Amino acid sequence: SAINDFLIDKDKEVLAASVSQLRIKPEQQELVVAWILEHGYSETLQKGRQSAFALLELLDRGVFEGVAVQAPMSKCMGRLADLQLDCPQAKEYFSFLLEEADKRGTTRAVFEGFAKLLT
């Protein structure tokens, strides 16, 4: 998949173009976002960071709509304590994702409010 390829070669242009060509419908975007988030918190921190960058690039480039992030992020934040039992790095992954999103003007609003759930 384009996302897996990005995790290997980290080419932002290829990621955006490849995922755009898939023409993922808005109602399916939530499922893809949920997969990216799961991949991010369940992998090593280095791979998790690449997943975070992939998600942010897709949002920045308008490939995914910001609204597609809300439900999957809410679900993850709501069960963060449970996630950390199996994936101790989950909190660090979400902290990294939110910090990176905060640095980007285009994705900052998408993730507003989630940082307070990490405390």
PDB file of N, CA and C in Angstrom:
ATOM      1  N   SER A   1       0.836  -1.182   0.000  1.00  0.00           N
ATOM      2  CA  SER A   1       0.000   0.000   0.000  1.00  0.00           C
ATOM      3  C   SER A   1       0.879   1.243   0.000  1.00  0.00           C
ATOM      4  N   ALA A   2       0.303   2.347  -0.379  1.00  0.00           N
ATOM      5  CA  ALA A   2       1.047   3.608  -0.453  1.00  0.00           C
ATOM      6  C   ALA A   2       1.549   4.029   0.914  1.00  0.00           C
ATOM      7  N   ILE A   3       0.776   3.765   1.943  1.00  0.00           N
ATOM      8  CA  ILE A   3       1.184   4.165   3.288  1.00  0.00           C
ATOM      9  C   ILE A   3       2.364   3.321   3.745  1.00  0.00           C
ATOM     10  N   ASN A   4       2.314   2.022   3.491  1.00  0.00           N
ATOM     11  CA  ASN A   4       3.457   1.171   3.833  1.00  0.00           C
ATOM     12  C   ASN A   4       4.705   1.592   3.063  1.00  0.00           C
ATOM     13  N   ASP A   5       4.542   1.939   1.789  1.00  0.00           N
ATOM     14  CA  ASP A   5       5.678   2.411   0.990  1.00  0.00           C
ATOM     15  C   ASP A   5       6.270   3.674   1.594  1.00  0.00           C
ATOM     16  N   PHE A   6       5.397   4.581   2.051  1.00  0.00           N
ATOM     17  CA  PHE A   6       5.879   5.815   2.665  1.00  0.00           C
ATOM     18  C   PHE A   6       6.695   5.503   3.920  1.00  0.00           C
ATOM     19  N   LEU A   7       6.243   4.527   4.684  1.00  0.00           N
ATOM     20  CA  LEU A   7       6.955   4.179   5.905  1.00  0.00           C
ATOM     21  C   LEU A   7       8.357   3.675   5.594  1.00  0.00           C
ATOM     22  N   ILE A   8       8.548   3.149   4.386  1.00  0.00           N
ATOM     23  CA  ILE A   8       9.862   2.657   3.985  1.00  0.00           C
ATOM     24  C   ILE A   8      10.700   3.763   3.351  1.00  0.00           C
ATOM     25  N   ASP A   9      10.152   4.440   2.327  1.00  0.00           N
ATOM     26  CA  ASP A   9      10.981   5.411   1.595  1.00  0.00           C
ATOM     27  C   ASP A   9      10.721   6.872   1.952  1.00  0.00           C
ATOM     28  N   LYS A  10       9.678   7.154   2.680  1.00  0.00           N
ATOM     29  CA  LYS A  10       9.396   8.484   3.227  1.00  0.00           C
ATOM     30  C   LYS A  10       9.258   9.581   2.161  1.00  0.00           C
ATOM     31  N   ASP A  11       8.776   9.238   0.999  1.00  0.00           N
ATOM     32  CA  ASP A  11       8.584  10.215  -0.067  1.00  0.00           C
ATOM     33  C   ASP A  11       7.169  10.796   0.037  1.00  0.00           C
ATOM     34  N   LYS A  12       7.072  12.048   0.494  1.00  0.00           N
ATOM     35  CA  LYS A  12       5.780  12.688   0.730  1.00  0.00           C
ATOM     36  C   LYS A  12       4.970  12.860  -0.554  1.00  0.00           C
ATOM     37  N   GLU A  13       5.661  13.182  -1.638  1.00  0.00           N
ATOM     38  CA  GLU A  13       4.962  13.404  -2.907  1.00  0.00           C
ATOM     39  C   GLU A  13       4.308  12.101  -3.396  1.00  0.00           C
ATOM     40  N   VAL A  14       5.068  11.022  -3.308  1.00  0.00           N
ATOM     41  CA  VAL A  14       4.554   9.719  -3.751  1.00  0.00           C
ATOM     42  C   VAL A  14       3.395   9.293  -2.866  1.00  0.00           C
ATOM     43  N   LEU A  15       3.516   9.499  -1.561  1.00  0.00           N
ATOM     44  CA  LEU A  15       2.440   9.141  -0.641  1.00  0.00           C
ATOM     45  C   LEU A  15       1.147   9.841  -1.031  1.00  0.00           C
ATOM     46  N   ALA A  16       1.192  11.144  -1.151  1.00  0.00           N
ATOM     47  CA  ALA A  16      -0.011  11.909  -1.463  1.00  0.00           C
ATOM     48  C   ALA A  16      -0.606  11.509  -2.811  1.00  0.00           C
ATOM     49  N   ALA A  17       0.244  11.373  -3.805  1.00  0.00           N
ATOM     50  CA  ALA A  17      -0.240  10.998  -5.139  1.00  0.00           C
ATOM     51  C   ALA A  17      -0.840   9.597  -5.142  1.00  0.00           C
ATOM     52  N   SER A  18      -0.172   8.668  -4.490  1.00  0.00           N
ATOM     53  CA  SER A  18      -0.649   7.277  -4.480  1.00  0.00           C
ATOM     54  C   SER A  18      -1.979   7.139  -3.747  1.00  0.00           C
ATOM     55  N   VAL A  19      -2.090   7.779  -2.600  1.00  0.00           N
ATOM     56  CA  VAL A  19      -3.336   7.674  -1.835  1.00  0.00           C
ATOM     57  C   VAL A  19      -4.450   8.420  -2.556  1.00  0.00           C
ATOM     58  N   SER A  20      -4.129   9.547  -3.179  1.00  0.00           N
ATOM     59  CA  SER A  20      -5.146  10.281  -3.953  1.00  0.00           C
ATOM     60  C   SER A  20      -5.712   9.423  -5.076  1.00  0.00           C
ATOM     61  N   GLN A  21      -4.841   8.654  -5.725  1.00  0.00           N
ATOM     62  CA  GLN A  21      -5.283   7.796  -6.834  1.00  0.00           C
ATOM     63  C   GLN A  21      -6.235   6.697  -6.366  1.00  0.00           C
ATOM     64  N   LEU A  22      -6.171   6.351  -5.091  1.00  0.00           N
ATOM     65  CA  LEU A  22      -7.072   5.324  -4.570  1.00  0.00           C
ATOM     66  C   LEU A  22      -8.514   5.822  -4.481  1.00  0.00           C
ATOM     67  N   ARG A  23      -8.674   7.124  -4.490  1.00  0.00           N
ATOM     68  CA  ARG A  23      -9.988   7.761  -4.411  1.00  0.00           C
ATOM     69  C   ARG A  23     -10.817   7.198  -3.247  1.00  0.00           C
ATOM     70  N   ILE A  24     -10.241   7.300  -2.078  1.00  0.00           N
ATOM     71  CA  ILE A  24     -10.897   6.808  -0.871  1.00  0.00           C
ATOM     72  C   ILE A  24     -12.067   7.738  -0.559  1.00  0.00           C
ATOM     73  N   LYS A  25     -13.238   7.165  -0.472  1.00  0.00           N
ATOM     74  CA  LYS A  25     -14.444   7.944  -0.205  1.00  0.00           C
ATOM     75  C   LYS A  25     -14.385   8.513   1.207  1.00  0.00           C
ATOM     76  N   PRO A  26     -15.023   9.666   1.414  1.00  0.00           N
ATOM     77  CA  PRO A  26     -14.996  10.285   2.748  1.00  0.00           C
ATOM     78  C   PRO A  26     -15.427   9.332   3.869  1.00  0.00           C
ATOM     79  N   GLU A  27     -16.415   8.511   3.610  1.00  0.00           N
ATOM     80  CA  GLU A  27     -16.882   7.592   4.653  1.00  0.00           C
ATOM     81  C   GLU A  27     -15.875   6.471   4.934  1.00  0.00           C
ATOM     82  N   GLN A  28     -14.958   6.230   4.025  1.00  0.00           N
ATOM     83  CA  GLN A  28     -13.921   5.217   4.232  1.00  0.00           C
ATOM     84  C   GLN A  28     -12.652   5.799   4.828  1.00  0.00           C
ATOM     85  N   GLN A  29     -12.520   7.109   4.763  1.00  0.00           N
ATOM     86  CA  GLN A  29     -11.325   7.753   5.280  1.00  0.00           C
ATOM     87  C   GLN A  29     -11.130   7.482   6.769  1.00  0.00           C
ATOM     88  N   GLU A  30     -12.219   7.434   7.528  1.00  0.00           N
ATOM     89  CA  GLU A  30     -12.111   7.148   8.965  1.00  0.00           C
ATOM     90  C   GLU A  30     -11.447   5.800   9.209  1.00  0.00           C
ATOM     91  N   LEU A  31     -11.775   4.818   8.394  1.00  0.00           N
ATOM     92  CA  LEU A  31     -11.175   3.494   8.556  1.00  0.00           C
ATOM     93  C   LEU A  31      -9.672   3.528   8.287  1.00  0.00           C
ATOM     94  N   VAL A  32      -9.287   4.268   7.272  1.00  0.00           N
ATOM     95  CA  VAL A  32      -7.861   4.376   6.948  1.00  0.00           C
ATOM     96  C   VAL A  32      -7.132   5.146   8.049  1.00  0.00           C
ATOM     97  N   VAL A  33      -7.746   6.213   8.543  1.00  0.00           N
ATOM     98  CA  VAL A  33      -7.143   6.979   9.634  1.00  0.00           C
ATOM     99  C   VAL A  33      -6.994   6.093  10.865  1.00  0.00           C
ATOM    100  N   ALA A  34      -8.017   5.300  11.175  1.00  0.00           N
ATOM    101  CA  ALA A  34      -7.945   4.387  12.325  1.00  0.00           C
ATOM    102  C   ALA A  34      -6.790   3.408  12.152  1.00  0.00           C
ATOM    103  N   TRP A  35      -6.600   2.910  10.925  1.00  0.00           N
ATOM    104  CA  TRP A  35      -5.494   1.975  10.658  1.00  0.00           C
ATOM    105  C   TRP A  35      -4.148   2.664  10.861  1.00  0.00           C
ATOM    106  N   ILE A  36      -4.023   3.893  10.357  1.00  0.00           N
ATOM    107  CA  ILE A  36      -2.764   4.625  10.511  1.00  0.00           C
ATOM    108  C   ILE A  36      -2.472   4.855  11.990  1.00  0.00           C
ATOM    109  N   LEU A  37      -3.489   5.259  12.744  1.00  0.00           N
ATOM    110  CA  LEU A  37      -3.289   5.483  14.175  1.00  0.00           C
ATOM    111  C   LEU A  37      -2.887   4.195  14.881  1.00  0.00           C
ATOM    112  N   GLU A  38      -3.575   3.110  14.559  1.00  0.00           N
ATOM    113  CA  GLU A  38      -3.243   1.830  15.186  1.00  0.00           C
ATOM    114  C   GLU A  38      -1.816   1.414  14.848  1.00  0.00           C
ATOM    115  N   HIS A  39      -1.453   1.579  13.615  1.00  0.00           N
ATOM    116  CA  HIS A  39      -0.085   1.267  13.197  1.00  0.00           C
ATOM    117  C   HIS A  39       0.894   2.117  13.992  1.00  0.00           C
ATOM    118  N   GLY A  40       0.561   3.375  14.170  1.00  0.00           N
ATOM    119  CA  GLY A  40       1.452   4.292  14.872  1.00  0.00           C
ATOM    120  C   GLY A  40       1.682   3.944  16.321  1.00  0.00           C
ATOM    121  N   TYR A  41       0.630   3.647  17.049  1.00  0.00           N
ATOM    122  CA  TYR A  41       0.822   3.379  18.479  1.00  0.00           C
ATOM    123  C   TYR A  41       1.261   1.957  18.775  1.00  0.00           C
ATOM    124  N   SER A  42       1.123   1.056  17.828  1.00  0.00           N
ATOM    125  CA  SER A  42       1.468  -0.337  18.102  1.00  0.00           C
ATOM    126  C   SER A  42       2.863  -0.723  17.604  1.00  0.00           C
ATOM    127  N   GLU A  43       3.490   0.151  16.843  1.00  0.00           N
ATOM    128  CA  GLU A  43       4.824  -0.124  16.304  1.00  0.00           C
ATOM    129  C   GLU A  43       5.897   0.506  17.188  1.00  0.00           C
ATOM    130  N   THR A  44       7.137   0.338  16.795  1.00  0.00           N
ATOM    131  CA  THR A  44       8.230   1.018  17.489  1.00  0.00           C
ATOM    132  C   THR A  44       8.004   2.517  17.370  1.00  0.00           C
ATOM    133  N   LEU A  45       8.608   3.265  18.252  1.00  0.00           N
ATOM    134  CA  LEU A  45       8.421   4.706  18.230  1.00  0.00           C
ATOM    135  C   LEU A  45       8.876   5.317  16.910  1.00  0.00           C
ATOM    136  N   GLN A  46       9.961   4.808  16.343  1.00  0.00           N
ATOM    137  CA  GLN A  46      10.439   5.335  15.056  1.00  0.00           C
ATOM    138  C   GLN A  46       9.391   5.105  13.964  1.00  0.00           C
ATOM    139  N   LYS A  47       8.849   3.895  13.872  1.00  0.00           N
ATOM    140  CA  LYS A  47       7.813   3.628  12.866  1.00  0.00           C
ATOM    141  C   LYS A  47       6.537   4.391  13.186  1.00  0.00           C
ATOM    142  N   GLY A  48       6.247   4.545  14.464  1.00  0.00           N
ATOM    143  CA  GLY A  48       5.078   5.322  14.866  1.00  0.00           C
ATOM    144  C   GLY A  48       5.174   6.759  14.409  1.00  0.00           C
ATOM    145  N   ARG A  49       6.364   7.312  14.528  1.00  0.00           N
ATOM    146  CA  ARG A  49       6.560   8.696  14.075  1.00  0.00           C
ATOM    147  C   ARG A  49       6.351   8.811  12.574  1.00  0.00           C
ATOM    148  N   GLN A  50       6.786   7.817  11.832  1.00  0.00           N
ATOM    149  CA  GLN A  50       6.552   7.840  10.380  1.00  0.00           C
ATOM    150  C   GLN A  50       5.055   7.764  10.072  1.00  0.00           C
ATOM    151  N   SER A  51       4.326   6.982  10.847  1.00  0.00           N
ATOM    152  CA  SER A  51       2.870   6.919  10.669  1.00  0.00           C
ATOM    153  C   SER A  51       2.238   8.276  10.952  1.00  0.00           C
ATOM    154  N   ALA A  52       2.734   8.938  11.997  1.00  0.00           N
ATOM    155  CA  ALA A  52       2.220  10.272  12.322  1.00  0.00           C
ATOM    156  C   ALA A  52       2.493  11.236  11.170  1.00  0.00           C
ATOM    157  N   PHE A  53       3.717  11.210  10.656  1.00  0.00           N
ATOM    158  CA  PHE A  53       4.052  12.080   9.523  1.00  0.00           C
ATOM    159  C   PHE A  53       3.170  11.762   8.310  1.00  0.00           C
ATOM    160  N   ALA A  54       2.918  10.489   8.065  1.00  0.00           N
ATOM    161  CA  ALA A  54       2.072  10.107   6.931  1.00  0.00           C
ATOM    162  C   ALA A  54       0.678  10.696   7.084  1.00  0.00           C
ATOM    163  N   LEU A  55       0.088  10.536   8.260  1.00  0.00           N
ATOM    164  CA  LEU A  55      -1.250  11.069   8.491  1.00  0.00           C
ATOM    165  C   LEU A  55      -1.273  12.582   8.324  1.00  0.00           C
ATOM    166  N   LEU A  56      -0.300  13.261   8.887  1.00  0.00           N
ATOM    167  CA  LEU A  56      -0.255  14.714   8.779  1.00  0.00           C
ATOM    168  C   LEU A  56      -0.051  15.177   7.342  1.00  0.00           C
ATOM    169  N   GLU A  57       0.769  14.470   6.594  1.00  0.00           N
ATOM    170  CA  GLU A  57       0.964  14.825   5.181  1.00  0.00           C
ATOM    171  C   GLU A  57      -0.341  14.670   4.396  1.00  0.00           C
ATOM    172  N   LEU A  58      -1.053  13.597   4.649  1.00  0.00           N
ATOM    173  CA  LEU A  58      -2.319  13.370   3.935  1.00  0.00           C
ATOM    174  C   LEU A  58      -3.340  14.450   4.275  1.00  0.00           C
ATOM    175  N   LEU A  59      -3.336  14.890   5.507  1.00  0.00           N
ATOM    176  CA  LEU A  59      -4.231  15.982   5.900  1.00  0.00           C
ATOM    177  C   LEU A  59      -3.771  17.305   5.305  1.00  0.00           C
ATOM    178  N   ASP A  60      -2.481  17.589   5.409  1.00  0.00           N
ATOM    179  CA  ASP A  60      -1.943  18.847   4.883  1.00  0.00           C
ATOM    180  C   ASP A  60      -2.204  19.004   3.394  1.00  0.00           C
ATOM    181  N   ARG A  61      -2.119  17.920   2.674  1.00  0.00           N
ATOM    182  CA  ARG A  61      -2.270  17.965   1.212  1.00  0.00           C
ATOM    183  C   ARG A  61      -3.715  17.803   0.767  1.00  0.00           C
ATOM    184  N   GLY A  62      -4.644  17.729   1.723  1.00  0.00           N
ATOM    185  CA  GLY A  62      -6.069  17.652   1.398  1.00  0.00           C
ATOM    186  C   GLY A  62      -6.515  16.305   0.863  1.00  0.00           C
ATOM    187  N   VAL A  63      -5.680  15.287   1.030  1.00  0.00           N
ATOM    188  CA  VAL A  63      -6.054  13.947   0.576  1.00  0.00           C
ATOM    189  C   VAL A  63      -7.152  13.394   1.484  1.00  0.00           C
ATOM    190  N   PHE A  64      -7.028  13.655   2.781  1.00  0.00           N
ATOM    191  CA  PHE A  64      -8.053  13.281   3.759  1.00  0.00           C
ATOM    192  C   PHE A  64      -8.676  14.549   4.318  1.00  0.00           C
ATOM    193  N   GLU A  65      -9.940  14.464   4.647  1.00  0.00           N
ATOM    194  CA  GLU A  65     -10.636  15.571   5.288  1.00  0.00           C
ATOM    195  C   GLU A  65     -10.362  15.514   6.783  1.00  0.00           C
ATOM    196  N   GLY A  66     -10.235  16.661   7.395  1.00  0.00           N
ATOM    197  CA  GLY A  66      -9.967  16.719   8.823  1.00  0.00           C
ATOM    198  C   GLY A  66     -11.013  16.006   9.665  1.00  0.00           C
ATOM    199  N   VAL A  67     -12.242  16.032   9.206  1.00  0.00           N
ATOM    200  CA  VAL A  67     -13.328  15.398   9.962  1.00  0.00           C
ATOM    201  C   VAL A  67     -13.120  13.887  10.087  1.00  0.00           C
ATOM    202  N   ALA A  68     -12.368  13.302   9.174  1.00  0.00           N
ATOM    203  CA  ALA A  68     -12.131  11.851   9.198  1.00  0.00           C
ATOM    204  C   ALA A  68     -11.266  11.440  10.384  1.00  0.00           C
ATOM    205  N   VAL A  69     -10.605  12.403  11.017  1.00  0.00           N
ATOM    206  CA  VAL A  69      -9.719  12.111  12.137  1.00  0.00           C
ATOM    207  C   VAL A  69     -10.475  12.078  13.468  1.00  0.00           C
ATOM    208  N   GLN A  70     -11.562  12.819  13.552  1.00  0.00           N
ATOM    209  CA  GLN A  70     -12.224  13.030  14.841  1.00  0.00           C
ATOM    210  C   GLN A  70     -12.651  11.742  15.545  1.00  0.00           C
ATOM    211  N   ALA A  71     -13.405  10.908  14.890  1.00  0.00           N
ATOM    212  CA  ALA A  71     -13.910   9.685  15.540  1.00  0.00           C
ATOM    213  C   ALA A  71     -12.782   8.710  15.902  1.00  0.00           C
ATOM    214  N   PRO A  72     -11.851   8.413  14.982  1.00  0.00           N
ATOM    215  CA  PRO A  72     -10.769   7.502  15.356  1.00  0.00           C
ATOM    216  C   PRO A  72      -9.892   8.038  16.493  1.00  0.00           C
ATOM    217  N   MET A  73      -9.588   9.341  16.473  1.00  0.00           N
ATOM    218  CA  MET A  73      -8.775   9.919  17.545  1.00  0.00           C
ATOM    219  C   MET A  73      -9.531   9.888  18.864  1.00  0.00           C
ATOM    220  N   SER A  74     -10.808  10.219  18.827  1.00  0.00           N
ATOM    221  CA  SER A  74     -11.619  10.188  20.048  1.00  0.00           C
ATOM    222  C   SER A  74     -11.657   8.794  20.643  1.00  0.00           C
ATOM    223  N   LYS A  75     -11.797   7.808  19.789  1.00  0.00           N
ATOM    224  CA  LYS A  75     -11.829   6.424  20.259  1.00  0.00           C
ATOM    225  C   LYS A  75     -10.495   6.040  20.912  1.00  0.00           C
ATOM    226  N   CYS A  76      -9.398   6.390  20.257  1.00  0.00           N
ATOM    227  CA  CYS A  76      -8.075   6.080  20.815  1.00  0.00           C
ATOM    228  C   CYS A  76      -7.841   6.810  22.137  1.00  0.00           C
ATOM    229  N   MET A  77      -8.179   8.078  22.179  1.00  0.00           N
ATOM    230  CA  MET A  77      -7.956   8.848  23.399  1.00  0.00           C
ATOM    231  C   MET A  77      -8.829   8.321  24.541  1.00  0.00           C
ATOM    232  N   GLY A  78     -10.017   7.873  24.203  1.00  0.00           N
ATOM    233  CA  GLY A  78     -10.919   7.344  25.205  1.00  0.00           C
ATOM    234  C   GLY A  78     -10.447   6.036  25.822  1.00  0.00           C
ATOM    235  N   ARG A  79      -9.629   5.325  25.100  1.00  0.00           N
ATOM    236  CA  ARG A  79      -9.135   4.049  25.620  1.00  0.00           C
ATOM    237  C   ARG A  79      -7.611   4.003  25.722  1.00  0.00           C
ATOM    238  N   LEU A  80      -7.023   5.174  25.893  1.00  0.00           N
ATOM    239  CA  LEU A  80      -5.568   5.272  25.944  1.00  0.00           C
ATOM    240  C   LEU A  80      -4.959   4.414  27.066  1.00  0.00           C
ATOM    241  N   ALA A  81      -5.573   4.421  28.227  1.00  0.00           N
ATOM    242  CA  ALA A  81      -5.035   3.624  29.335  1.00  0.00           C
ATOM    243  C   ALA A  81      -4.988   2.143  28.959  1.00  0.00           C
ATOM    244  N   ASP A  82      -6.035   1.656  28.302  1.00  0.00           N
ATOM    245  CA  ASP A  82      -6.053   0.259  27.860  1.00  0.00           C
ATOM    246  C   ASP A  82      -5.022   0.008  26.760  1.00  0.00           C
ATOM    247  N   LEU A  83      -4.890   0.944  25.842  1.00  0.00           N
ATOM    248  CA  LEU A  83      -3.909   0.800  24.765  1.00  0.00           C
ATOM    249  C   LEU A  83      -2.498   0.669  25.331  1.00  0.00           C
ATOM    250  N   GLN A  84      -2.220   1.429  26.376  1.00  0.00           N
ATOM    251  CA  GLN A  84      -0.878   1.421  26.949  1.00  0.00           C
ATOM    252  C   GLN A  84      -0.532   0.090  27.614  1.00  0.00           C
ATOM    253  N   LEU A  85      -1.535  -0.693  27.974  1.00  0.00           N
ATOM    254  CA  LEU A  85      -1.249  -2.009  28.553  1.00  0.00           C
ATOM    255  C   LEU A  85      -0.547  -2.902  27.537  1.00  0.00           C
ATOM    256  N   ASP A  86      -1.004  -2.853  26.298  1.00  0.00           N
ATOM    257  CA  ASP A  86      -0.401  -3.662  25.231  1.00  0.00           C
ATOM    258  C   ASP A  86       0.684  -2.906  24.472  1.00  0.00           C
ATOM    259  N   CYS A  87       0.571  -1.611  24.435  1.00  0.00           N
ATOM    260  CA  CYS A  87       1.495  -0.778  23.667  1.00  0.00           C
ATOM    261  C   CYS A  87       1.966   0.374  24.556  1.00  0.00           C
ATOM    262  N   PRO A  88       2.976   0.138  25.381  1.00  0.00           N
ATOM    263  CA  PRO A  88       3.421   1.166  26.328  1.00  0.00           C
ATOM    264  C   PRO A  88       3.812   2.492  25.676  1.00  0.00           C
ATOM    265  N   GLN A  89       4.170   2.459  24.418  1.00  0.00           N
ATOM    266  CA  GLN A  89       4.593   3.680  23.714  1.00  0.00           C
ATOM    267  C   GLN A  89       3.415   4.485  23.167  1.00  0.00           C
ATOM    268  N   ALA A  90       2.181   4.034  23.377  1.00  0.00           N
ATOM    269  CA  ALA A  90       1.011   4.697  22.795  1.00  0.00           C
ATOM    270  C   ALA A  90       0.916   6.163  23.196  1.00  0.00           C
ATOM    271  N   LYS A  91       1.084   6.463  24.463  1.00  0.00           N
ATOM    272  CA  LYS A  91       0.970   7.853  24.912  1.00  0.00           C
ATOM    273  C   LYS A  91       2.042   8.717  24.261  1.00  0.00           C
ATOM    274  N   GLU A  92       3.254   8.186  24.177  1.00  0.00           N
ATOM    275  CA  GLU A  92       4.338   8.940  23.543  1.00  0.00           C
ATOM    276  C   GLU A  92       4.047   9.171  22.054  1.00  0.00           C
ATOM    277  N   TYR A  93       3.467   8.167  21.397  1.00  0.00           N
ATOM    278  CA  TYR A  93       3.094   8.314  19.986  1.00  0.00           C
ATOM    279  C   TYR A  93       2.079   9.443  19.810  1.00  0.00           C
ATOM    280  N   PHE A  94       1.014   9.413  20.623  1.00  0.00           N
ATOM    281  CA  PHE A  94      -0.017  10.445  20.480  1.00  0.00           C
ATOM    282  C   PHE A  94       0.520  11.823  20.861  1.00  0.00           C
ATOM    283  N   SER A  95       1.410  11.886  21.844  1.00  0.00           N
ATOM    284  CA  SER A  95       2.035  13.165  22.193  1.00  0.00           C
ATOM    285  C   SER A  95       2.820  13.705  21.008  1.00  0.00           C
ATOM    286  N   PHE A  96       3.583  12.830  20.363  1.00  0.00           N
ATOM    287  CA  PHE A  96       4.361  13.228  19.190  1.00  0.00           C
ATOM    288  C   PHE A  96       3.435  13.706  18.071  1.00  0.00           C
ATOM    289  N   LEU A  97       2.393  12.943  17.786  1.00  0.00           N
ATOM    290  CA  LEU A  97       1.435  13.304  16.735  1.00  0.00           C
ATOM    291  C   LEU A  97       0.842  14.684  17.001  1.00  0.00           C
ATOM    292  N   LEU A  98       0.424  14.928  18.222  1.00  0.00           N
ATOM    293  CA  LEU A  98      -0.195  16.210  18.558  1.00  0.00           C
ATOM    294  C   LEU A  98       0.814  17.358  18.520  1.00  0.00           C
ATOM    295  N   GLU A  99       2.045  17.113  18.943  1.00  0.00           N
ATOM    296  CA  GLU A  99       3.071  18.145  18.868  1.00  0.00           C
ATOM    297  C   GLU A  99       3.368  18.514  17.415  1.00  0.00           C
ATOM    298  N   GLU A 100       3.481  17.505  16.564  1.00  0.00           N
ATOM    299  CA  GLU A 100       3.745  17.762  15.144  1.00  0.00           C
ATOM    300  C   GLU A 100       2.570  18.479  14.488  1.00  0.00           C
ATOM    301  N   ALA A 101       1.365  18.074  14.834  1.00  0.00           N
ATOM    302  CA  ALA A 101       0.178  18.735  14.275  1.00  0.00           C
ATOM    303  C   ALA A 101       0.132  20.192  14.708  1.00  0.00           C
ATOM    304  N   ASP A 102       0.530  20.456  15.944  1.00  0.00           N
ATOM    305  CA  ASP A 102       0.521  21.823  16.460  1.00  0.00           C
ATOM    306  C   ASP A 102       1.500  22.716  15.695  1.00  0.00           C
ATOM    307  N   LYS A 103       2.564  22.135  15.170  1.00  0.00           N
ATOM    308  CA  LYS A 103       3.559  22.894  14.406  1.00  0.00           C
ATOM    309  C   LYS A 103       3.044  23.265  13.014  1.00  0.00           C
ATOM    310  N   ARG A 104       2.052  22.539  12.543  1.00  0.00           N
ATOM    311  CA  ARG A 104       1.546  22.744  11.184  1.00  0.00           C
ATOM    312  C   ARG A 104       0.242  23.532  11.253  1.00  0.00           C
ATOM    313  N   GLY A 105       0.202  24.633  10.615  1.00  0.00           N
ATOM    314  CA  GLY A 105      -1.010  25.445  10.643  1.00  0.00           C
ATOM    315  C   GLY A 105      -2.235  24.738  10.076  1.00  0.00           C
ATOM    316  N   THR A 106      -2.030  23.945   9.038  1.00  0.00           N
ATOM    317  CA  THR A 106      -3.175  23.336   8.366  1.00  0.00           C
ATOM    318  C   THR A 106      -3.816  22.210   9.167  1.00  0.00           C
ATOM    319  N   THR A 107      -3.050  21.543  10.014  1.00  0.00           N
ATOM    320  CA  THR A 107      -3.625  20.422  10.765  1.00  0.00           C
ATOM    321  C   THR A 107      -3.870  20.737  12.235  1.00  0.00           C
ATOM    322  N   ARG A 108      -3.432  21.892  12.695  1.00  0.00           N
ATOM    323  CA  ARG A 108      -3.579  22.240  14.111  1.00  0.00           C
ATOM    324  C   ARG A 108      -5.038  22.149  14.558  1.00  0.00           C
ATOM    325  N   ALA A 109      -5.945  22.721  13.789  1.00  0.00           N
ATOM    326  CA  ALA A 109      -7.358  22.752  14.184  1.00  0.00           C
ATOM    327  C   ALA A 109      -7.975  21.354  14.243  1.00  0.00           C
ATOM    328  N   VAL A 110      -7.496  20.456  13.410  1.00  0.00           N
ATOM    329  CA  VAL A 110      -8.031  19.092  13.376  1.00  0.00           C
ATOM    330  C   VAL A 110      -7.825  18.393  14.713  1.00  0.00           C
ATOM    331  N   PHE A 111      -6.705  18.661  15.361  1.00  0.00           N
ATOM    332  CA  PHE A 111      -6.335  17.950  16.576  1.00  0.00           C
ATOM    333  C   PHE A 111      -6.574  18.748  17.857  1.00  0.00           C
ATOM    334  N   GLU A 112      -7.149  19.943  17.725  1.00  0.00           N
ATOM    335  CA  GLU A 112      -7.402  20.762  18.920  1.00  0.00           C
ATOM    336  C   GLU A 112      -8.284  20.008  19.902  1.00  0.00           C
ATOM    337  N   GLY A 113      -7.949  20.117  21.147  1.00  0.00           N
ATOM    338  CA  GLY A 113      -8.743  19.484  22.196  1.00  0.00           C
ATOM    339  C   GLY A 113      -8.255  18.115  22.608  1.00  0.00           C
ATOM    340  N   PHE A 114      -7.496  17.446  21.757  1.00  0.00           N
ATOM    341  CA  PHE A 114      -7.038  16.098  22.099  1.00  0.00           C
ATOM    342  C   PHE A 114      -5.875  16.108  23.096  1.00  0.00           C
ATOM    343  N   ALA A 115      -5.075  17.169  23.091  1.00  0.00           N
ATOM    344  CA  ALA A 115      -3.900  17.215  23.974  1.00  0.00           C
ATOM    345  C   ALA A 115      -4.312  17.128  25.439  1.00  0.00           C
ATOM    346  N   LYS A 116      -5.414  17.743  25.799  1.00  0.00           N
ATOM    347  CA  LYS A 116      -5.833  17.704  27.199  1.00  0.00           C
ATOM    348  C   LYS A 116      -6.220  16.294  27.643  1.00  0.00           C
ATOM    349  N   LEU A 117      -6.504  15.421  26.704  1.00  0.00           N
ATOM    350  CA  LEU A 117      -6.861  14.043  27.040  1.00  0.00           C
ATOM    351  C   LEU A 117      -5.637  13.178  27.348  1.00  0.00           C
ATOM    352  N   LEU A 118      -4.444  13.704  27.051  1.00  0.00           N
ATOM    353  CA  LEU A 118      -3.212  12.960  27.322  1.00  0.00           C
ATOM    354  C   LEU A 118      -2.743  13.111  28.759  1.00  0.00           C
ATOM    355  N   THR A 119      -3.271  14.065  29.477  1.00  0.00           N
ATOM    356  CA  THR A 119      -2.795  14.296  30.847  1.00  0.00           C
ATOM    357  C   THR A 119      -3.454  13.383  31.851  1.00  0.00           C
TER     358      THR A 119
END
